[in-house]
PDB file of all heavy atoms in Angstrom:
ATOM      1  N   PHE A   1       0.841  -1.206   0.000  1.00  0.00           N
ATOM      2  CA  PHE A   1       0.000   0.000   0.000  1.00  0.00           C
ATOM      3  C   PHE A   1       0.873   1.253   0.000  1.00  0.00           C
ATOM      4  O   PHE A   1       0.687   2.147  -0.827  1.00  0.00           O
ATOM      5  CB  PHE A   1      -0.919  -0.024   1.223  1.00  0.00           C
ATOM      6  CG  PHE A   1      -2.008   1.002   1.198  1.00  0.00           C
ATOM      7  CD1 PHE A   1      -3.206   0.752   0.551  1.00  0.00           C
ATOM      8  CD2 PHE A   1      -1.858   2.215   1.852  1.00  0.00           C
ATOM      9  CE1 PHE A   1      -4.229   1.688   0.540  1.00  0.00           C
ATOM     10  CE2 PHE A   1      -2.866   3.155   1.846  1.00  0.00           C
ATOM     11  CZ  PHE A   1      -4.056   2.895   1.187  1.00  0.00           C
ATOM     12  N   ASN A   2       1.848   1.300   0.906  1.00  0.00           N
ATOM     13  CA  ASN A   2       2.728   2.475   0.994  1.00  0.00           C
ATOM     14  C   ASN A   2       3.583   2.636  -0.259  1.00  0.00           C
ATOM     15  O   ASN A   2       3.841   3.763  -0.702  1.00  0.00           O
ATOM     16  CB  ASN A   2       3.604   2.384   2.246  1.00  0.00           C
ATOM     17  CG  ASN A   2       2.800   2.539   3.518  1.00  0.00           C
ATOM     18  OD1 ASN A   2       1.716   3.129   3.523  1.00  0.00           O
ATOM     19  ND2 ASN A   2       3.296   1.990   4.610  1.00  0.00           N
ATOM     20  N   GLN A   3       4.014   1.531  -0.833  1.00  0.00           N
ATOM     21  CA  GLN A   3       4.789   1.565  -2.080  1.00  0.00           C
ATOM     22  C   GLN A   3       3.945   2.153  -3.210  1.00  0.00           C
ATOM     23  O   GLN A   3       4.434   2.950  -4.017  1.00  0.00           O
ATOM     24  CB  GLN A   3       5.210   0.126  -2.408  1.00  0.00           C
ATOM     25  CG  GLN A   3       6.251  -0.018  -3.457  1.00  0.00           C
ATOM     26  CD  GLN A   3       6.728  -1.472  -3.507  1.00  0.00           C
ATOM     27  OE1 GLN A   3       7.299  -1.967  -2.539  1.00  0.00           O
ATOM     28  NE2 GLN A   3       6.480  -2.125  -4.615  1.00  0.00           N
ATOM     29  N   ALA A   4       2.674   1.772  -3.274  1.00  0.00           N
ATOM     30  CA  ALA A   4       1.775   2.301  -4.307  1.00  0.00           C
ATOM     31  C   ALA A   4       1.539   3.799  -4.110  1.00  0.00           C
ATOM     32  O   ALA A   4       1.516   4.564  -5.083  1.00  0.00           O
ATOM     33  CB  ALA A   4       0.449   1.546  -4.291  1.00  0.00           C
ATOM     34  N   ILE A   5       1.386   4.231  -2.877  1.00  0.00           N
ATOM     35  CA  ILE A   5       1.191   5.661  -2.590  1.00  0.00           C
ATOM     36  C   ILE A   5       2.439   6.436  -2.997  1.00  0.00           C
ATOM     37  O   ILE A   5       2.362   7.481  -3.640  1.00  0.00           O
ATOM     38  CB  ILE A   5       0.853   5.884  -1.097  1.00  0.00           C
ATOM     39  CG1 ILE A   5      -0.459   5.175  -0.737  1.00  0.00           C
ATOM     40  CG2 ILE A   5       0.783   7.375  -0.772  1.00  0.00           C
ATOM     41  CD1 ILE A   5      -1.643   5.483  -1.616  1.00  0.00           C
ATOM     42  N   ALA A   6       3.603   5.908  -2.661  1.00  0.00           N
ATOM     43  CA  ALA A   6       4.860   6.573  -3.035  1.00  0.00           C
ATOM     44  C   ALA A   6       5.022   6.643  -4.553  1.00  0.00           C
ATOM     45  O   ALA A   6       5.643   7.570  -5.072  1.00  0.00           O
ATOM     46  CB  ALA A   6       6.051   5.839  -2.409  1.00  0.00           C
ATOM     47  N   ALA A   7       4.431   5.691  -5.270  1.00  0.00           N
ATOM     48  CA  ALA A   7       4.524   5.658  -6.739  1.00  0.00           C
ATOM     49  C   ALA A   7       3.498   6.564  -7.417  1.00  0.00           C
ATOM     50  O   ALA A   7       3.531   6.734  -8.625  1.00  0.00           O
ATOM     51  CB  ALA A   7       4.361   4.228  -7.244  1.00  0.00           C
ATOM     52  N   GLY A   8       2.569   7.141  -6.633  1.00  0.00           N
ATOM     53  CA  GLY A   8       1.625   8.086  -7.210  1.00  0.00           C
ATOM     54  C   GLY A   8       0.157   7.759  -7.030  1.00  0.00           C
ATOM     55  O   GLY A   8      -0.705   8.478  -7.528  1.00  0.00           O
ATOM     56  N   ALA A   9      -0.165   6.685  -6.310  1.00  0.00           N
ATOM     57  CA  ALA A   9      -1.571   6.357  -6.056  1.00  0.00           C
ATOM     58  C   ALA A   9      -2.152   7.313  -5.013  1.00  0.00           C
ATOM     59  O   ALA A   9      -1.416   7.939  -4.246  1.00  0.00           O
ATOM     60  CB  ALA A   9      -1.703   4.921  -5.567  1.00  0.00           C
ATOM     61  N   ILE A  10      -3.465   7.401  -4.980  1.00  0.00           N
ATOM     62  CA  ILE A  10      -4.184   8.255  -4.028  1.00  0.00           C
ATOM     63  C   ILE A  10      -4.941   7.356  -3.054  1.00  0.00           C
ATOM     64  O   ILE A  10      -5.620   6.417  -3.463  1.00  0.00           O
ATOM     65  CB  ILE A  10      -5.178   9.176  -4.768  1.00  0.00           C
ATOM     66  CG1 ILE A  10      -4.415  10.121  -5.690  1.00  0.00           C
ATOM     67  CG2 ILE A  10      -6.059   9.944  -3.789  1.00  0.00           C
ATOM     68  CD1 ILE A  10      -5.304  10.889  -6.643  1.00  0.00           C
ATOM     69  N   VAL A  11      -4.828   7.657  -1.760  1.00  0.00           N
ATOM     70  CA  VAL A  11      -5.524   6.878  -0.732  1.00  0.00           C
ATOM     71  C   VAL A  11      -7.025   7.142  -0.812  1.00  0.00           C
ATOM     72  O   VAL A  11      -7.462   8.296  -0.768  1.00  0.00           O
ATOM     73  CB  VAL A  11      -5.019   7.247   0.681  1.00  0.00           C
ATOM     74  CG1 VAL A  11      -5.829   6.518   1.743  1.00  0.00           C
ATOM     75  CG2 VAL A  11      -3.541   6.944   0.830  1.00  0.00           C
ATOM     76  N   LEU A  12      -7.799   6.069  -0.932  1.00  0.00           N
ATOM     77  CA  LEU A  12      -9.253   6.172  -0.845  1.00  0.00           C
ATOM     78  C   LEU A  12      -9.722   5.807   0.554  1.00  0.00           C
ATOM     79  O   LEU A  12     -10.652   6.408   1.081  1.00  0.00           O
ATOM     80  CB  LEU A  12      -9.928   5.271  -1.886  1.00  0.00           C
ATOM     81  CG  LEU A  12      -9.620   5.618  -3.341  1.00  0.00           C
ATOM     82  CD1 LEU A  12     -10.259   4.601  -4.284  1.00  0.00           C
ATOM     83  CD2 LEU A  12     -10.108   7.024  -3.679  1.00  0.00           C
ATOM     84  N   SER A  13      -9.080   4.801   1.154  1.00  0.00           N
ATOM     85  CA  SER A  13      -9.287   4.490   2.571  1.00  0.00           C
ATOM     86  C   SER A  13      -8.013   3.830   3.082  1.00  0.00           C
ATOM     87  O   SER A  13      -7.424   2.984   2.390  1.00  0.00           O
ATOM     88  CB  SER A  13     -10.512   3.600   2.802  1.00  0.00           C
ATOM     89  OG  SER A  13     -10.344   2.330   2.238  1.00  0.00           O
ATOM     90  N   PRO A  14      -7.566   4.225   4.272  1.00  0.00           N
ATOM     91  CA  PRO A  14      -6.298   3.705   4.787  1.00  0.00           C
ATOM     92  C   PRO A  14      -6.402   2.226   5.145  1.00  0.00           C
ATOM     93  O   PRO A  14      -7.498   1.672   5.288  1.00  0.00           O
ATOM     94  CB  PRO A  14      -6.053   4.557   6.034  1.00  0.00           C
ATOM     95  CG  PRO A  14      -7.400   5.022   6.443  1.00  0.00           C
ATOM     96  CD  PRO A  14      -8.214   5.150   5.190  1.00  0.00           C
ATOM     97  N   VAL A  15      -5.248   1.606   5.315  1.00  0.00           N
ATOM     98  CA  VAL A  15      -5.216   0.197   5.716  1.00  0.00           C
ATOM     99  C   VAL A  15      -5.839   0.061   7.099  1.00  0.00           C
ATOM    100  O   VAL A  15      -5.479   0.785   8.024  1.00  0.00           O
ATOM    101  CB  VAL A  15      -3.768  -0.343   5.712  1.00  0.00           C
ATOM    102  CG1 VAL A  15      -3.724  -1.765   6.266  1.00  0.00           C
ATOM    103  CG2 VAL A  15      -3.178  -0.288   4.309  1.00  0.00           C
ATOM    104  N   THR A  16      -6.784  -0.842   7.204  1.00  0.00           N
ATOM    105  CA  THR A  16      -7.530  -1.066   8.441  1.00  0.00           C
ATOM    106  C   THR A  16      -7.744  -2.564   8.616  1.00  0.00           C
ATOM    107  O   THR A  16      -7.952  -3.278   7.640  1.00  0.00           O
ATOM    108  CB  THR A  16      -8.909  -0.363   8.376  1.00  0.00           C
ATOM    109  OG1 THR A  16      -8.705   1.028   8.110  1.00  0.00           O
ATOM    110  CG2 THR A  16      -9.685  -0.507   9.657  1.00  0.00           C
ATOM    111  N   ASP A  17      -7.715  -3.028   9.864  1.00  0.00           N
ATOM    112  CA  ASP A  17      -8.075  -4.407  10.178  1.00  0.00           C
ATOM    113  C   ASP A  17      -9.573  -4.461  10.472  1.00  0.00           C
ATOM    114  O   ASP A  17     -10.084  -3.652  11.257  1.00  0.00           O
ATOM    115  CB  ASP A  17      -7.314  -4.914  11.398  1.00  0.00           C
ATOM    116  CG  ASP A  17      -5.840  -5.153  11.125  1.00  0.00           C
ATOM    117  OD1 ASP A  17      -5.432  -5.060   9.944  1.00  0.00           O
ATOM    118  OD2 ASP A  17      -5.098  -5.438  12.079  1.00  0.00           O
ATOM    119  N   TYR A  18     -10.244  -5.407   9.839  1.00  0.00           N
ATOM    120  CA  TYR A  18     -11.687  -5.563  10.026  1.00  0.00           C
ATOM    121  C   TYR A  18     -11.967  -6.826  10.814  1.00  0.00           C
ATOM    122  O   TYR A  18     -11.270  -7.832  10.670  1.00  0.00           O
ATOM    123  CB  TYR A  18     -12.400  -5.595   8.669  1.00  0.00           C
ATOM    124  CG  TYR A  18     -12.330  -4.268   7.966  1.00  0.00           C
ATOM    125  CD1 TYR A  18     -11.291  -3.984   7.098  1.00  0.00           C
ATOM    126  CD2 TYR A  18     -13.288  -3.290   8.202  1.00  0.00           C
ATOM    127  CE1 TYR A  18     -11.210  -2.753   6.458  1.00  0.00           C
ATOM    128  CE2 TYR A  18     -13.219  -2.057   7.580  1.00  0.00           C
ATOM    129  CZ  TYR A  18     -12.169  -1.793   6.708  1.00  0.00           C
ATOM    130  OH  TYR A  18     -12.085  -0.573   6.086  1.00  0.00           O
ATOM    131  N   GLU A  19     -13.030  -6.785  11.640  1.00  0.00           N
ATOM    132  CA  GLU A  19     -13.364  -7.906  12.516  1.00  0.00           C
ATOM    133  C   GLU A  19     -13.741  -9.178  11.759  1.00  0.00           C
ATOM    134  O   GLU A  19     -13.720 -10.257  12.304  1.00  0.00           O
ATOM    135  CB  GLU A  19     -14.488  -7.518  13.494  1.00  0.00           C
ATOM    136  CG  GLU A  19     -15.821  -7.237  12.851  1.00  0.00           C
ATOM    137  CD  GLU A  19     -15.974  -5.815  12.333  1.00  0.00           C
ATOM    138  OE1 GLU A  19     -15.052  -4.990  12.491  1.00  0.00           O
ATOM    139  OE2 GLU A  19     -17.031  -5.534  11.752  1.00  0.00           O
ATOM    140  N   TYR A  20     -14.051  -9.057  10.479  1.00  0.00           N
ATOM    141  CA  TYR A  20     -14.399 -10.241   9.687  1.00  0.00           C
ATOM    142  C   TYR A  20     -13.161 -10.928   9.109  1.00  0.00           C
ATOM    143  O   TYR A  20     -13.274 -11.880   8.336  1.00  0.00           O
ATOM    144  CB  TYR A  20     -15.404  -9.913   8.591  1.00  0.00           C
ATOM    145  CG  TYR A  20     -15.021  -8.769   7.679  1.00  0.00           C
ATOM    146  CD1 TYR A  20     -14.167  -8.960   6.604  1.00  0.00           C
ATOM    147  CD2 TYR A  20     -15.527  -7.492   7.908  1.00  0.00           C
ATOM    148  CE1 TYR A  20     -13.809  -7.909   5.775  1.00  0.00           C
ATOM    149  CE2 TYR A  20     -15.184  -6.438   7.079  1.00  0.00           C
ATOM    150  CZ  TYR A  20     -14.326  -6.651   6.019  1.00  0.00           C
ATOM    151  OH  TYR A  20     -13.987  -5.615   5.201  1.00  0.00           O
ATOM    152  N   GLY A  21     -11.977 -10.473   9.507  1.00  0.00           N
ATOM    153  CA  GLY A  21     -10.766 -11.205   9.190  1.00  0.00           C
ATOM    154  C   GLY A  21      -9.946 -10.706   8.018  1.00  0.00           C
ATOM    155  O   GLY A  21      -9.122 -11.453   7.488  1.00  0.00           O
ATOM    156  N   TYR A  22     -10.136  -9.461   7.602  1.00  0.00           N
ATOM    157  CA  TYR A  22      -9.332  -8.914   6.509  1.00  0.00           C
ATOM    158  C   TYR A  22      -8.636  -7.635   6.939  1.00  0.00           C
ATOM    159  O   TYR A  22      -9.198  -6.822   7.682  1.00  0.00           O
ATOM    160  CB  TYR A  22     -10.202  -8.605   5.278  1.00  0.00           C
ATOM    161  CG  TYR A  22     -10.485  -9.827   4.458  1.00  0.00           C
ATOM    162  CD1 TYR A  22     -11.489 -10.713   4.838  1.00  0.00           C
ATOM    163  CD2 TYR A  22      -9.755 -10.112   3.322  1.00  0.00           C
ATOM    164  CE1 TYR A  22     -11.755 -11.846   4.091  1.00  0.00           C
ATOM    165  CE2 TYR A  22     -10.018 -11.242   2.573  1.00  0.00           C
ATOM    166  CZ  TYR A  22     -11.016 -12.109   2.965  1.00  0.00           C
ATOM    167  OH  TYR A  22     -11.263 -13.237   2.225  1.00  0.00           O
ATOM    168  N   ARG A  23      -7.424  -7.477   6.468  1.00  0.00           N
ATOM    169  CA  ARG A  23      -6.695  -6.207   6.560  1.00  0.00           C
ATOM    170  C   ARG A  23      -6.696  -5.657   5.150  1.00  0.00           C
ATOM    171  O   ARG A  23      -6.310  -6.334   4.207  1.00  0.00           O
ATOM    172  CB  ARG A  23      -5.258  -6.467   7.020  1.00  0.00           C
ATOM    173  CG  ARG A  23      -4.359  -5.236   6.965  1.00  0.00           C
ATOM    174  CD  ARG A  23      -3.002  -5.520   7.580  1.00  0.00           C
ATOM    175  NE  ARG A  23      -3.197  -5.824   8.983  1.00  0.00           N
ATOM    176  CZ  ARG A  23      -2.604  -6.827   9.633  1.00  0.00           C
ATOM    177  NH1 ARG A  23      -1.754  -7.620   9.000  1.00  0.00           N
ATOM    178  NH2 ARG A  23      -2.848  -7.035  10.905  1.00  0.00           N
ATOM    179  N   ARG A  24      -7.166  -4.416   4.993  1.00  0.00           N
ATOM    180  CA  ARG A  24      -7.282  -3.884   3.639  1.00  0.00           C
ATOM    181  C   ARG A  24      -7.224  -2.368   3.623  1.00  0.00           C
ATOM    182  O   ARG A  24      -7.584  -1.702   4.582  1.00  0.00           O
ATOM    183  CB  ARG A  24      -8.563  -4.369   2.977  1.00  0.00           C
ATOM    184  CG  ARG A  24      -9.811  -4.076   3.775  1.00  0.00           C
ATOM    185  CD  ARG A  24     -11.063  -4.609   3.149  1.00  0.00           C
ATOM    186  NE  ARG A  24     -11.501  -3.655   2.142  1.00  0.00           N
ATOM    187  CZ  ARG A  24     -12.379  -3.900   1.204  1.00  0.00           C
ATOM    188  NH1 ARG A  24     -12.948  -5.068   1.109  1.00  0.00           N
ATOM    189  NH2 ARG A  24     -12.724  -2.985   0.340  1.00  0.00           N
ATOM    190  N   GLY A  25      -6.744  -1.857   2.500  1.00  0.00           N
ATOM    191  CA  GLY A  25      -6.736  -0.427   2.233  1.00  0.00           C
ATOM    192  C   GLY A  25      -7.094  -0.232   0.772  1.00  0.00           C
ATOM    193  O   GLY A  25      -6.826  -1.101  -0.061  1.00  0.00           O
ATOM    194  N   GLU A  26      -7.724   0.893   0.457  1.00  0.00           N
ATOM    195  CA  GLU A  26      -8.142   1.162  -0.921  1.00  0.00           C
ATOM    196  C   GLU A  26      -7.415   2.376  -1.474  1.00  0.00           C
ATOM    197  O   GLU A  26      -7.195   3.354  -0.767  1.00  0.00           O
ATOM    198  CB  GLU A  26      -9.647   1.401  -0.977  1.00  0.00           C
ATOM    199  CG  GLU A  26     -10.450   0.174  -0.573  1.00  0.00           C
ATOM    200  CD  GLU A  26     -11.940   0.374  -0.700  1.00  0.00           C
ATOM    201  OE1 GLU A  26     -12.389   1.038  -1.666  1.00  0.00           O
ATOM    202  OE2 GLU A  26     -12.661  -0.132   0.174  1.00  0.00           O
ATOM    203  N   LEU A  27      -7.056   2.283  -2.764  1.00  0.00           N
ATOM    204  CA  LEU A  27      -6.368   3.391  -3.412  1.00  0.00           C
ATOM    205  C   LEU A  27      -6.809   3.511  -4.861  1.00  0.00           C
ATOM    206  O   LEU A  27      -7.445   2.621  -5.412  1.00  0.00           O
ATOM    207  CB  LEU A  27      -4.850   3.209  -3.310  1.00  0.00           C
ATOM    208  CG  LEU A  27      -4.241   1.901  -3.782  1.00  0.00           C
ATOM    209  CD1 LEU A  27      -3.958   1.927  -5.278  1.00  0.00           C
ATOM    210  CD2 LEU A  27      -2.953   1.650  -3.022  1.00  0.00           C
ATOM    211  N   LYS A  28      -6.468   4.645  -5.453  1.00  0.00           N
ATOM    212  CA  LYS A  28      -6.738   4.897  -6.869  1.00  0.00           C
ATOM    213  C   LYS A  28      -5.405   5.104  -7.557  1.00  0.00           C
ATOM    214  O   LYS A  28      -4.590   5.921  -7.121  1.00  0.00           O
ATOM    215  CB  LYS A  28      -7.633   6.122  -7.033  1.00  0.00           C
ATOM    216  CG  LYS A  28      -7.962   6.435  -8.490  1.00  0.00           C
ATOM    217  CD  LYS A  28      -9.061   7.478  -8.644  1.00  0.00           C
ATOM    218  CE  LYS A  28      -8.674   8.812  -8.124  1.00  0.00           C
ATOM    219  NZ  LYS A  28      -9.616   9.872  -8.494  1.00  0.00           N
ATOM    220  N   ASP A  29      -5.180   4.346  -8.642  1.00  0.00           N
ATOM    221  CA  ASP A  29      -3.912   4.486  -9.366  1.00  0.00           C
ATOM    222  C   ASP A  29      -3.946   5.730 -10.255  1.00  0.00           C
ATOM    223  O   ASP A  29      -4.997   6.367 -10.405  1.00  0.00           O
ATOM    224  CB  ASP A  29      -3.556   3.199 -10.118  1.00  0.00           C
ATOM    225  CG  ASP A  29      -4.367   2.924 -11.371  1.00  0.00           C
ATOM    226  OD1 ASP A  29      -4.923   3.855 -11.987  1.00  0.00           O
ATOM    227  OD2 ASP A  29      -4.428   1.740 -11.772  1.00  0.00           O
ATOM    228  N   PRO A  30      -2.815   6.135 -10.820  1.00  0.00           N
ATOM    229  CA  PRO A  30      -2.767   7.365 -11.621  1.00  0.00           C
ATOM    230  C   PRO A  30      -3.674   7.362 -12.852  1.00  0.00           C
ATOM    231  O   PRO A  30      -3.946   8.411 -13.420  1.00  0.00           O
ATOM    232  CB  PRO A  30      -1.297   7.460 -12.042  1.00  0.00           C
ATOM    233  CG  PRO A  30      -0.552   6.699 -11.006  1.00  0.00           C
ATOM    234  CD  PRO A  30      -1.471   5.580 -10.624  1.00  0.00           C
ATOM    235  N   PHE A  31      -4.162   6.185 -13.255  1.00  0.00           N
ATOM    236  CA  PHE A  31      -5.043   6.095 -14.421  1.00  0.00           C
ATOM    237  C   PHE A  31      -6.516   6.059 -14.013  1.00  0.00           C
ATOM    238  O   PHE A  31      -7.398   5.970 -14.859  1.00  0.00           O
ATOM    239  CB  PHE A  31      -4.685   4.872 -15.262  1.00  0.00           C
ATOM    240  CG  PHE A  31      -3.244   4.902 -15.704  1.00  0.00           C
ATOM    241  CD1 PHE A  31      -2.299   4.100 -15.089  1.00  0.00           C
ATOM    242  CD2 PHE A  31      -2.826   5.773 -16.699  1.00  0.00           C
ATOM    243  CE1 PHE A  31      -0.969   4.149 -15.475  1.00  0.00           C
ATOM    244  CE2 PHE A  31      -1.495   5.838 -17.088  1.00  0.00           C
ATOM    245  CZ  PHE A  31      -0.566   5.021 -16.473  1.00  0.00           C
ATOM    246  N   GLY A  32      -6.780   6.098 -12.689  1.00  0.00           N
ATOM    247  CA  GLY A  32      -8.145   6.158 -12.184  1.00  0.00           C
ATOM    248  C   GLY A  32      -8.737   4.831 -11.742  1.00  0.00           C
ATOM    249  O   GLY A  32      -9.878   4.788 -11.293  1.00  0.00           O
ATOM    250  N   HIS A  33      -7.973   3.744 -11.836  1.00  0.00           N
ATOM    251  CA  HIS A  33      -8.484   2.436 -11.421  1.00  0.00           C
ATOM    252  C   HIS A  33      -8.390   2.287  -9.901  1.00  0.00           C
ATOM    253  O   HIS A  33      -7.405   2.689  -9.291  1.00  0.00           O
ATOM    254  CB  HIS A  33      -7.703   1.305 -12.100  1.00  0.00           C
ATOM    255  CG  HIS A  33      -7.821   1.342 -13.588  1.00  0.00           C
ATOM    256  ND1 HIS A  33      -8.966   0.974 -14.249  1.00  0.00           N
ATOM    257  CD2 HIS A  33      -6.948   1.710 -14.547  1.00  0.00           C
ATOM    258  CE1 HIS A  33      -8.793   1.108 -15.548  1.00  0.00           C
ATOM    259  NE2 HIS A  33      -7.573   1.567 -15.756  1.00  0.00           N
ATOM    260  N   HIS A  34      -9.443   1.691  -9.313  1.00  0.00           N
ATOM    261  CA  HIS A  34      -9.473   1.470  -7.864  1.00  0.00           C
ATOM    262  C   HIS A  34      -8.873   0.106  -7.544  1.00  0.00           C
ATOM    263  O   HIS A  34      -9.166  -0.888  -8.214  1.00  0.00           O
ATOM    264  CB  HIS A  34     -10.903   1.516  -7.342  1.00  0.00           C
ATOM    265  CG  HIS A  34     -11.497   2.881  -7.393  1.00  0.00           C
ATOM    266  ND1 HIS A  34     -12.681   3.198  -6.784  1.00  0.00           N
ATOM    267  CD2 HIS A  34     -11.078   4.029  -7.971  1.00  0.00           C
ATOM    268  CE1 HIS A  34     -12.964   4.478  -6.997  1.00  0.00           C
ATOM    269  NE2 HIS A  34     -11.998   4.992  -7.723  1.00  0.00           N
ATOM    270  N   TRP A  35      -8.053   0.067  -6.486  1.00  0.00           N
ATOM    271  CA  TRP A  35      -7.401  -1.157  -6.033  1.00  0.00           C
ATOM    272  C   TRP A  35      -7.700  -1.343  -4.553  1.00  0.00           C
ATOM    273  O   TRP A  35      -7.698  -0.384  -3.780  1.00  0.00           O
ATOM    274  CB  TRP A  35      -5.893  -1.058  -6.197  1.00  0.00           C
ATOM    275  CG  TRP A  35      -5.420  -1.027  -7.610  1.00  0.00           C
ATOM    276  CD1 TRP A  35      -5.493   0.030  -8.482  1.00  0.00           C
ATOM    277  CD2 TRP A  35      -4.819  -2.095  -8.329  1.00  0.00           C
ATOM    278  NE1 TRP A  35      -4.967  -0.332  -9.689  1.00  0.00           N
ATOM    279  CE2 TRP A  35      -4.541  -1.630  -9.633  1.00  0.00           C
ATOM    280  CE3 TRP A  35      -4.482  -3.409  -7.996  1.00  0.00           C
ATOM    281  CZ2 TRP A  35      -3.940  -2.427 -10.597  1.00  0.00           C
ATOM    282  CZ3 TRP A  35      -3.880  -4.203  -8.954  1.00  0.00           C
ATOM    283  CH2 TRP A  35      -3.618  -3.707 -10.239  1.00  0.00           C
TER     284      TRP A  35
END
């Protein structure tokens, strides 16, 4: 996640641990795709 941000992605939601068993963060790449 941090590597992608350093490369130019935009944070949509920071990395968070969820009680249903996933650690996840959302970002948008420079071309507009959500990851």
